[in-house]
């Protein structure tokens, strides 16, 4: 196995710092998928997968995707909360992958709240 050079170590440090900043750096948009037991049973994993696909297709670097526990709205699961800086949070109810993609494209990317899913 080849020895690591100083340049290799610097590259590893920069890559690690970039990955950590994506997790912990502040963001202007936060998306929370509520994945308590009720959310998972209702399909929150599929909603999360749809969001991850949408995130991979955008060049925006100010959006963060999180998981969260139950918010005591079990009858409306899966729930997704969108928090955009300087705006009140919006909780979307009974989400599906299709609805989630629409919310991402319209609300997250253009600021147009999808009132029919609230």
N, C-alpha and C. Protein backbone atom coordinates (compact mmCIF):
# COMPACT_ATOMS: atom_id res chain seq x y z
N UNK A 1 0.85 -1.18 0.00
CA UNK A 1 0.00 0.00 0.00
C UNK A 1 0.89 1.24 0.00
N UNK A 2 0.58 2.18 -0.87
CA UNK A 2 1.38 3.40 -0.99
C UNK A 2 1.18 4.30 0.22
N UNK A 3 2.21 5.03 0.56
CA UNK A 3 2.11 5.98 1.66
C UNK A 3 1.34 7.22 1.21
N UNK A 4 0.63 7.81 2.15
CA UNK A 4 -0.09 9.04 1.85
C UNK A 4 0.88 10.22 1.84
N UNK A 5 0.66 11.09 0.87
CA UNK A 5 1.49 12.29 0.80
C UNK A 5 0.80 13.41 1.56
N UNK A 6 1.52 14.50 1.70
CA UNK A 6 0.95 15.67 2.35
C UNK A 6 -0.26 16.17 1.57
N UNK A 7 -0.18 16.14 0.25
CA UNK A 7 -1.29 16.57 -0.61
C UNK A 7 -2.52 15.67 -0.43
N UNK A 8 -2.27 14.36 -0.28
CA UNK A 8 -3.38 13.43 -0.04
C UNK A 8 -4.10 13.78 1.25
N UNK A 9 -3.34 14.06 2.29
CA UNK A 9 -3.92 14.39 3.59
C UNK A 9 -4.70 15.70 3.54
N UNK A 10 -4.18 16.67 2.81
CA UNK A 10 -4.88 17.96 2.66
C UNK A 10 -6.21 17.75 1.93
N UNK A 11 -6.18 16.92 0.87
CA UNK A 11 -7.41 16.63 0.12
C UNK A 11 -8.43 15.92 1.02
N UNK A 12 -7.99 14.95 1.81
CA UNK A 12 -8.89 14.24 2.72
C UNK A 12 -9.49 15.21 3.73
N UNK A 13 -8.67 16.12 4.25
CA UNK A 13 -9.16 17.10 5.21
C UNK A 13 -10.23 18.00 4.59
N UNK A 14 -9.97 18.49 3.37
CA UNK A 14 -10.93 19.37 2.69
C UNK A 14 -12.23 18.63 2.39
N UNK A 15 -12.14 17.38 1.92
CA UNK A 15 -13.33 16.60 1.61
C UNK A 15 -14.16 16.35 2.87
N UNK A 16 -13.48 16.02 3.96
CA UNK A 16 -14.18 15.77 5.22
C UNK A 16 -14.84 17.04 5.73
N UNK A 17 -14.15 18.16 5.65
CA UNK A 17 -14.72 19.43 6.10
C UNK A 17 -15.96 19.79 5.28
N UNK A 18 -15.90 19.55 3.98
CA UNK A 18 -17.05 19.84 3.11
C UNK A 18 -18.24 18.97 3.49
N UNK A 19 -18.00 17.68 3.69
CA UNK A 19 -19.09 16.77 4.07
C UNK A 19 -19.68 17.14 5.42
N UNK A 20 -18.84 17.52 6.36
CA UNK A 20 -19.34 17.91 7.68
C UNK A 20 -20.13 19.21 7.60
N UNK A 21 -19.72 20.13 6.77
CA UNK A 21 -20.45 21.40 6.66
C UNK A 21 -21.83 21.17 6.07
N UNK A 22 -21.98 20.18 5.20
CA UNK A 22 -23.29 19.87 4.66
C UNK A 22 -24.23 19.39 5.75
N UNK A 23 -23.68 18.75 6.77
CA UNK A 23 -24.51 18.26 7.87
C UNK A 23 -24.80 19.33 8.90
N UNK A 24 -23.82 20.16 9.21
CA UNK A 24 -23.94 21.03 10.38
C UNK A 24 -24.02 22.52 10.06
N UNK A 25 -23.65 22.91 8.88
CA UNK A 25 -23.69 24.32 8.53
C UNK A 25 -25.15 24.78 8.46
N UNK A 26 -25.37 26.03 8.79
CA UNK A 26 -26.74 26.53 8.72
C UNK A 26 -27.22 26.51 7.28
N UNK A 27 -28.52 26.42 7.13
CA UNK A 27 -29.12 26.35 5.80
C UNK A 27 -30.31 27.27 5.75
N UNK A 28 -30.60 27.79 4.57
CA UNK A 28 -31.77 28.66 4.44
C UNK A 28 -33.04 27.84 4.28
N UNK A 29 -32.92 26.56 3.92
CA UNK A 29 -34.08 25.68 3.81
C UNK A 29 -33.77 24.38 4.56
N UNK A 30 -34.70 24.01 5.47
CA UNK A 30 -34.58 22.75 6.19
C UNK A 30 -35.83 21.93 5.91
N UNK A 31 -35.62 20.70 5.53
CA UNK A 31 -36.73 19.78 5.27
C UNK A 31 -36.64 18.66 6.30
N UNK A 32 -37.75 18.45 7.02
CA UNK A 32 -37.78 17.39 8.03
C UNK A 32 -38.84 16.36 7.65
N UNK A 33 -38.40 15.13 7.56
CA UNK A 33 -39.32 14.02 7.34
C UNK A 33 -39.53 13.38 8.70
N UNK A 34 -40.77 13.35 9.16
CA UNK A 34 -41.07 12.82 10.49
C UNK A 34 -41.17 11.30 10.40
N UNK A 35 -40.19 10.65 11.03
CA UNK A 35 -40.05 9.21 10.88
C UNK A 35 -40.18 8.47 12.21
N UNK A 36 -41.22 8.82 12.96
CA UNK A 36 -41.57 8.00 14.10
C UNK A 36 -42.14 6.69 13.57
N UNK A 37 -42.50 5.78 14.46
CA UNK A 37 -43.04 4.49 14.04
C UNK A 37 -44.27 4.66 13.13
N UNK A 38 -45.13 5.61 13.49
CA UNK A 38 -46.34 5.82 12.69
C UNK A 38 -45.99 6.36 11.30
N UNK A 39 -45.02 7.24 11.23
CA UNK A 39 -44.60 7.79 9.95
C UNK A 39 -43.99 6.74 9.05
N UNK A 40 -43.13 5.92 9.62
CA UNK A 40 -42.50 4.85 8.84
C UNK A 40 -43.55 3.88 8.33
N UNK A 41 -44.49 3.51 9.20
CA UNK A 41 -45.56 2.59 8.80
C UNK A 41 -46.42 3.17 7.68
N UNK A 42 -46.54 4.49 7.65
CA UNK A 42 -47.38 5.15 6.65
C UNK A 42 -46.63 5.45 5.35
N UNK A 43 -45.31 5.22 5.30
CA UNK A 43 -44.58 5.42 4.06
C UNK A 43 -43.52 6.50 4.07
N UNK A 44 -43.07 6.92 5.25
CA UNK A 44 -42.08 8.00 5.34
C UNK A 44 -40.75 7.65 4.66
N UNK A 45 -40.41 6.37 4.63
CA UNK A 45 -39.14 5.99 3.96
C UNK A 45 -39.21 6.28 2.46
N UNK A 46 -40.35 6.03 1.85
CA UNK A 46 -40.51 6.34 0.42
C UNK A 46 -40.46 7.84 0.18
N UNK A 47 -41.04 8.60 1.10
CA UNK A 47 -41.00 10.06 1.00
C UNK A 47 -39.56 10.55 1.13
N UNK A 48 -38.81 9.99 2.07
CA UNK A 48 -37.41 10.36 2.25
C UNK A 48 -36.60 10.02 1.00
N UNK A 49 -36.84 8.87 0.42
CA UNK A 49 -36.14 8.47 -0.80
C UNK A 49 -36.42 9.44 -1.94
N UNK A 50 -37.67 9.87 -2.07
CA UNK A 50 -38.02 10.84 -3.12
C UNK A 50 -37.29 12.16 -2.90
N UNK A 51 -37.22 12.60 -1.65
CA UNK A 51 -36.51 13.85 -1.34
C UNK A 51 -35.02 13.73 -1.62
N UNK A 52 -34.45 12.60 -1.30
CA UNK A 52 -33.02 12.40 -1.56
C UNK A 52 -32.74 12.45 -3.06
N UNK A 53 -33.64 11.89 -3.86
CA UNK A 53 -33.49 11.94 -5.31
C UNK A 53 -33.58 13.38 -5.81
N UNK A 54 -34.56 14.13 -5.31
CA UNK A 54 -34.70 15.54 -5.69
C UNK A 54 -33.47 16.35 -5.28
N UNK A 55 -32.97 16.10 -4.07
CA UNK A 55 -31.79 16.82 -3.59
C UNK A 55 -30.59 16.55 -4.49
N UNK A 56 -30.45 15.32 -4.96
CA UNK A 56 -29.31 14.96 -5.81
C UNK A 56 -29.38 15.65 -7.17
N UNK A 57 -30.58 16.06 -7.57
CA UNK A 57 -30.75 16.67 -8.88
C UNK A 57 -30.70 18.19 -8.87
N UNK A 58 -30.55 18.79 -7.71
CA UNK A 58 -30.49 20.25 -7.64
C UNK A 58 -29.07 20.70 -7.34
N UNK A 59 -28.74 21.87 -7.82
CA UNK A 59 -27.41 22.44 -7.55
C UNK A 59 -27.42 23.29 -6.28
N UNK A 60 -28.58 23.47 -5.67
CA UNK A 60 -28.67 24.30 -4.47
C UNK A 60 -27.87 23.69 -3.33
N UNK A 61 -27.08 24.51 -2.65
CA UNK A 61 -26.26 24.05 -1.54
C UNK A 61 -26.79 24.52 -0.19
N UNK A 62 -27.92 25.23 -0.18
CA UNK A 62 -28.46 25.79 1.06
C UNK A 62 -29.65 25.02 1.60
N UNK A 63 -29.86 23.80 1.11
CA UNK A 63 -30.99 22.98 1.53
C UNK A 63 -30.44 21.80 2.33
N UNK A 64 -31.05 21.54 3.50
CA UNK A 64 -30.65 20.41 4.32
C UNK A 64 -31.86 19.52 4.57
N UNK A 65 -31.62 18.22 4.53
CA UNK A 65 -32.65 17.22 4.74
C UNK A 65 -32.38 16.50 6.05
N UNK A 66 -33.39 16.44 6.91
CA UNK A 66 -33.26 15.82 8.24
C UNK A 66 -34.38 14.81 8.44
N UNK A 67 -34.15 13.92 9.40
CA UNK A 67 -35.24 13.09 9.90
C UNK A 67 -35.59 13.61 11.28
N UNK A 68 -36.81 13.34 11.68
CA UNK A 68 -37.29 13.77 12.98
C UNK A 68 -38.26 12.73 13.49
N UNK A 69 -38.57 12.79 14.75
CA UNK A 69 -39.52 11.86 15.33
C UNK A 69 -40.96 12.29 15.08
N UNK A 70 -41.83 11.64 15.78
CA UNK A 70 -43.27 11.88 15.66
C UNK A 70 -43.62 13.29 16.16
N UNK A 71 -44.60 13.92 15.52
CA UNK A 71 -45.09 15.22 15.97
C UNK A 71 -46.54 15.12 16.44
N UNK A 72 -46.93 13.91 16.85
CA UNK A 72 -48.27 13.64 17.40
C UNK A 72 -49.39 13.99 16.43
N UNK A 73 -49.15 13.75 15.17
CA UNK A 73 -50.19 13.92 14.15
C UNK A 73 -50.28 12.61 13.36
N UNK A 74 -50.42 11.51 14.09
CA UNK A 74 -50.32 10.17 13.52
C UNK A 74 -51.33 9.92 12.40
N UNK A 75 -52.50 10.49 12.50
CA UNK A 75 -53.53 10.24 11.49
C UNK A 75 -53.22 10.92 10.16
N UNK A 76 -52.23 11.80 10.15
CA UNK A 76 -51.91 12.51 8.91
C UNK A 76 -50.53 12.13 8.36
N UNK A 77 -49.94 11.07 8.88
CA UNK A 77 -48.62 10.64 8.41
C UNK A 77 -48.69 10.10 6.99
N UNK A 78 -47.58 10.14 6.28
CA UNK A 78 -46.31 10.75 6.60
C UNK A 78 -46.36 12.28 6.50
N UNK A 79 -45.70 12.92 7.46
CA UNK A 79 -45.65 14.39 7.53
C UNK A 79 -44.26 14.87 7.17
N UNK A 80 -44.21 16.01 6.50
CA UNK A 80 -42.95 16.66 6.12
C UNK A 80 -43.07 18.12 6.51
N UNK A 81 -42.07 18.63 7.21
CA UNK A 81 -42.05 20.05 7.58
C UNK A 81 -41.00 20.76 6.75
N UNK A 82 -41.40 21.87 6.13
CA UNK A 82 -40.49 22.71 5.36
C UNK A 82 -40.28 23.98 6.16
N UNK A 83 -39.02 24.29 6.46
CA UNK A 83 -38.66 25.52 7.16
C UNK A 83 -37.76 26.35 6.25
N UNK A 84 -38.30 27.46 5.80
CA UNK A 84 -37.52 28.38 4.97
C UNK A 84 -37.21 29.60 5.82
N UNK A 85 -35.98 30.03 5.75
CA UNK A 85 -35.50 31.15 6.57
C UNK A 85 -36.45 32.35 6.49
N UNK A 86 -36.76 32.91 7.65
CA UNK A 86 -37.62 34.09 7.78
C UNK A 86 -39.08 33.85 7.39
N UNK A 87 -39.50 32.58 7.36
CA UNK A 87 -40.88 32.24 7.08
C UNK A 87 -41.34 31.23 8.14
N UNK A 88 -42.65 31.19 8.42
CA UNK A 88 -43.12 30.19 9.37
C UNK A 88 -43.00 28.78 8.77
N UNK A 89 -42.75 27.78 9.62
CA UNK A 89 -42.66 26.41 9.10
C UNK A 89 -44.01 25.94 8.55
N UNK A 90 -43.96 25.08 7.57
CA UNK A 90 -45.17 24.53 6.96
C UNK A 90 -45.11 23.01 7.09
N UNK A 91 -46.17 22.43 7.65
CA UNK A 91 -46.25 20.97 7.79
C UNK A 91 -47.16 20.44 6.69
N UNK A 92 -46.60 19.57 5.87
CA UNK A 92 -47.37 18.91 4.82
C UNK A 92 -47.80 17.54 5.33
N UNK A 93 -49.06 17.18 5.08
CA UNK A 93 -49.65 15.96 5.63
C UNK A 93 -49.94 14.95 4.54
N UNK A 94 -49.99 13.67 4.96
CA UNK A 94 -50.34 12.55 4.09
C UNK A 94 -49.54 12.60 2.79
N UNK A 95 -48.23 12.71 2.95
CA UNK A 95 -47.37 12.85 1.78
C UNK A 95 -47.10 11.51 1.11
N UNK A 96 -46.95 11.57 -0.18
CA UNK A 96 -46.54 10.43 -1.00
C UNK A 96 -45.28 10.88 -1.75
N UNK A 97 -44.56 9.97 -2.38
CA UNK A 97 -43.40 10.41 -3.16
C UNK A 97 -43.76 11.43 -4.23
N UNK A 98 -44.91 11.26 -4.88
CA UNK A 98 -45.33 12.20 -5.93
C UNK A 98 -45.62 13.58 -5.35
N UNK A 99 -46.37 13.63 -4.26
CA UNK A 99 -46.66 14.91 -3.61
C UNK A 99 -45.37 15.57 -3.13
N UNK A 100 -44.48 14.75 -2.60
CA UNK A 100 -43.22 15.26 -2.07
C UNK A 100 -42.39 15.90 -3.17
N UNK A 101 -42.33 15.26 -4.32
CA UNK A 101 -41.57 15.85 -5.44
C UNK A 101 -42.17 17.19 -5.84
N UNK A 102 -43.51 17.27 -5.86
CA UNK A 102 -44.18 18.55 -6.21
C UNK A 102 -43.86 19.63 -5.18
N UNK A 103 -43.92 19.28 -3.89
CA UNK A 103 -43.61 20.24 -2.83
C UNK A 103 -42.16 20.71 -2.95
N UNK A 104 -41.26 19.79 -3.23
CA UNK A 104 -39.86 20.17 -3.38
C UNK A 104 -39.69 21.15 -4.54
N UNK A 105 -40.24 20.81 -5.69
CA UNK A 105 -40.10 21.66 -6.87
C UNK A 105 -40.78 23.02 -6.71
N UNK A 106 -41.97 23.03 -6.13
CA UNK A 106 -42.73 24.28 -6.04
C UNK A 106 -42.40 25.09 -4.78
N UNK A 107 -42.45 24.48 -3.60
CA UNK A 107 -42.25 25.23 -2.37
C UNK A 107 -40.78 25.46 -2.08
N UNK A 108 -40.00 24.40 -2.07
CA UNK A 108 -38.59 24.52 -1.70
C UNK A 108 -37.81 25.34 -2.73
N UNK A 109 -38.00 25.05 -4.00
CA UNK A 109 -37.19 25.71 -5.02
C UNK A 109 -37.73 27.06 -5.47
N UNK A 110 -39.06 27.26 -5.43
CA UNK A 110 -39.60 28.53 -5.93
C UNK A 110 -40.38 29.32 -4.88
N UNK A 111 -40.60 28.74 -3.69
CA UNK A 111 -41.29 29.47 -2.63
C UNK A 111 -42.80 29.42 -2.69
N UNK A 112 -43.36 28.61 -3.57
CA UNK A 112 -44.81 28.53 -3.74
C UNK A 112 -45.38 27.43 -2.84
N UNK A 113 -45.99 27.83 -1.72
CA UNK A 113 -46.56 26.88 -0.77
C UNK A 113 -47.69 26.10 -1.44
N UNK A 114 -47.70 24.80 -1.25
CA UNK A 114 -48.71 23.92 -1.83
C UNK A 114 -49.83 23.71 -0.81
N UNK A 115 -50.77 24.64 -0.78
CA UNK A 115 -51.79 24.68 0.27
C UNK A 115 -52.70 23.45 0.27
N UNK A 116 -52.84 22.75 -0.84
CA UNK A 116 -53.72 21.60 -0.85
C UNK A 116 -53.16 20.39 -0.09
N UNK A 117 -51.88 20.45 0.33
CA UNK A 117 -51.29 19.36 1.10
C UNK A 117 -51.07 19.72 2.57
N UNK A 118 -51.43 20.92 2.97
CA UNK A 118 -51.17 21.39 4.34
C UNK A 118 -52.25 20.86 5.26
